[in-house]
Amino acid sequence: QVQLVESGGGLVEPGGSLRLSCAASGIIFRINIMGWYRQAPGKQREVVATITTVGSTNYADAVKGRFTISRDNAKNTVTLQMNSLKPEDSAVYYCNLKYGGNDYWGQGTQVAVSS
């Protein structure tokens, strides 16, 4: 059983920064993709950023240059550093782990960007 536990959400003013972390536990295939998705009220869940085991990254156009995803394979953790936050970044952020055709999700952490 795979479990993903997120931390680091909160309320921040526009232009501020937040750091999200996710720790994966359980039986995890060593070759996988970890990532962050978000879902705002009334909208579909969308990908924010992903990173492979070897460090290859992809970002949504809306966050390029502002967000940075990283991972620690030894600890099975993934981090999302979010800078220059905008009100439109407000959403519930979900950690995701993909391998072997399986998708695993964390419980989500709220990010609110408001003055």
Protein backbone atom coordinates (compact mmCIF):
# COMPACT_ATOMS: atom_id res chain seq x y z
CA GLN A 1 0.00 0.00 0.00
CA VAL A 2 1.39 3.39 -1.02
CA GLN A 3 0.72 6.44 1.10
CA LEU A 4 1.49 10.05 0.21
CA VAL A 5 1.51 12.72 2.89
CA GLU A 6 1.71 16.38 1.94
CA SER A 7 2.66 19.38 4.04
CA GLY A 8 3.43 23.06 3.63
CA GLY A 9 0.27 24.71 2.34
CA GLY A 10 -1.17 27.90 3.77
CA LEU A 11 -2.10 31.51 3.18
CA VAL A 12 0.38 33.87 1.53
CA GLU A 13 0.23 37.33 0.00
CA PRO A 14 0.70 37.83 -3.74
CA GLY A 15 4.38 37.76 -4.59
CA GLY A 16 5.16 35.52 -1.65
CA SER A 17 6.58 32.01 -1.52
CA LEU A 18 5.54 28.63 -0.19
CA ARG A 19 7.22 25.26 -0.13
CA LEU A 20 5.19 22.07 -0.42
CA SER A 21 6.59 18.70 0.57
CA CYS A 22 5.34 15.18 0.02
CA ALA A 23 6.61 11.96 1.55
CA ALA A 24 5.79 8.62 -0.03
CA SER A 25 5.79 5.38 1.95
CA GLY A 26 5.03 1.77 1.19
CA ILE A 27 6.18 -0.48 -1.62
CA ILE A 28 7.37 1.86 -4.36
CA PHE A 29 8.91 0.81 -7.62
CA ARG A 30 12.22 2.58 -7.98
CA ILE A 31 11.40 3.93 -11.46
CA ASN A 32 8.48 6.31 -11.13
CA ILE A 33 7.22 9.80 -11.73
CA MET A 34 6.30 12.10 -8.87
CA GLY A 35 4.46 15.33 -9.31
CA TRP A 36 2.12 18.01 -8.10
CA TYR A 37 -1.36 18.72 -9.38
CA ARG A 38 -3.84 21.37 -8.30
CA GLN A 39 -7.56 21.89 -8.34
CA ALA A 40 -9.27 25.22 -7.89
CA PRO A 41 -12.98 25.47 -7.02
CA GLY A 42 -15.13 24.75 -10.06
CA LYS A 43 -12.17 23.69 -12.16
CA GLN A 44 -10.66 20.40 -13.20
CA ARG A 45 -7.53 19.07 -11.59
CA GLU A 46 -4.48 20.11 -13.59
CA VAL A 47 -0.84 19.17 -13.62
CA VAL A 48 1.57 21.69 -12.10
CA ALA A 49 4.92 19.93 -12.34
CA THR A 50 6.35 16.43 -12.61
CA ILE A 51 9.77 14.90 -12.09
CA THR A 52 11.11 11.48 -13.02
CA THR A 53 13.45 9.30 -11.01
CA VAL A 54 16.38 10.62 -13.04
CA GLY A 55 15.38 14.23 -12.51
CA SER A 56 13.68 15.09 -15.79
CA THR A 57 11.10 17.80 -15.10
CA ASN A 58 8.03 19.23 -16.78
CA TYR A 59 6.08 22.32 -15.79
CA ALA A 60 2.74 23.79 -16.68
CA ASP A 61 3.17 26.98 -18.70
CA ALA A 62 1.43 28.96 -15.97
CA VAL A 63 4.14 28.18 -13.41
CA LYS A 64 7.33 28.06 -15.49
CA GLY A 65 10.00 30.29 -14.06
CA ARG A 66 8.21 30.60 -10.72
CA PHE A 67 7.90 27.03 -9.40
CA THR A 68 10.65 24.45 -8.96
CA ILE A 69 10.10 20.75 -8.39
CA SER A 70 12.74 18.52 -6.84
CA ARG A 71 12.95 15.07 -5.30
CA ASP A 72 15.05 12.94 -3.02
CA ASN A 73 14.97 9.37 -4.27
CA ALA A 74 16.57 7.95 -1.14
CA LYS A 75 13.80 9.42 1.00
CA ASN A 76 10.96 9.11 -1.54
CA THR A 77 10.10 12.76 -1.15
CA VAL A 78 9.13 15.44 -3.64
CA THR A 79 9.14 19.18 -3.03
CA LEU A 80 7.54 22.09 -4.85
CA GLN A 81 9.09 25.49 -4.25
CA MET A 82 6.60 28.15 -5.27
CA ASN A 83 7.78 31.74 -5.72
CA SER A 84 6.11 34.88 -6.99
CA LEU A 85 2.74 33.43 -6.12
CA LYS A 86 -0.36 34.86 -7.75
CA PRO A 87 -4.00 34.75 -6.67
CA GLU A 88 -4.68 32.38 -9.56
CA ASP A 89 -2.31 29.87 -7.96
CA SER A 90 -4.85 29.38 -5.17
CA ALA A 91 -6.03 25.77 -5.14
CA VAL A 92 -5.78 22.47 -3.37
CA TYR A 93 -2.44 20.97 -4.31
CA TYR A 94 -2.12 17.20 -4.58
CA CYS A 95 0.99 15.07 -4.58
CA ASN A 96 1.00 12.28 -7.17
CA LEU A 97 3.06 9.15 -7.73
CA LYS A 98 2.87 7.14 -10.94
CA TYR A 99 4.41 3.77 -11.74
CA GLY A 100 3.42 0.54 -13.38
CA GLY A 101 0.16 2.02 -14.65
CA ASN A 102 -0.89 2.99 -11.13
CA ASP A 103 -1.74 6.44 -9.83
CA TYR A 104 -1.43 7.34 -6.15
CA TRP A 105 -2.64 10.58 -4.60
CA GLY A 106 -2.11 12.47 -1.40
CA GLN A 107 -4.95 14.00 0.56
CA GLY A 108 -4.23 17.51 -0.72
CA THR A 109 -3.02 20.71 0.90
CA GLN A 110 -4.67 24.10 0.53
CA VAL A 111 -2.76 27.02 -0.94
CA ALA A 112 -4.41 30.44 -0.76
CA VAL A 113 -2.83 33.53 -2.30
CA SER A 114 -4.57 36.68 -1.16
CA SER A 115 -3.89 40.12 0.24
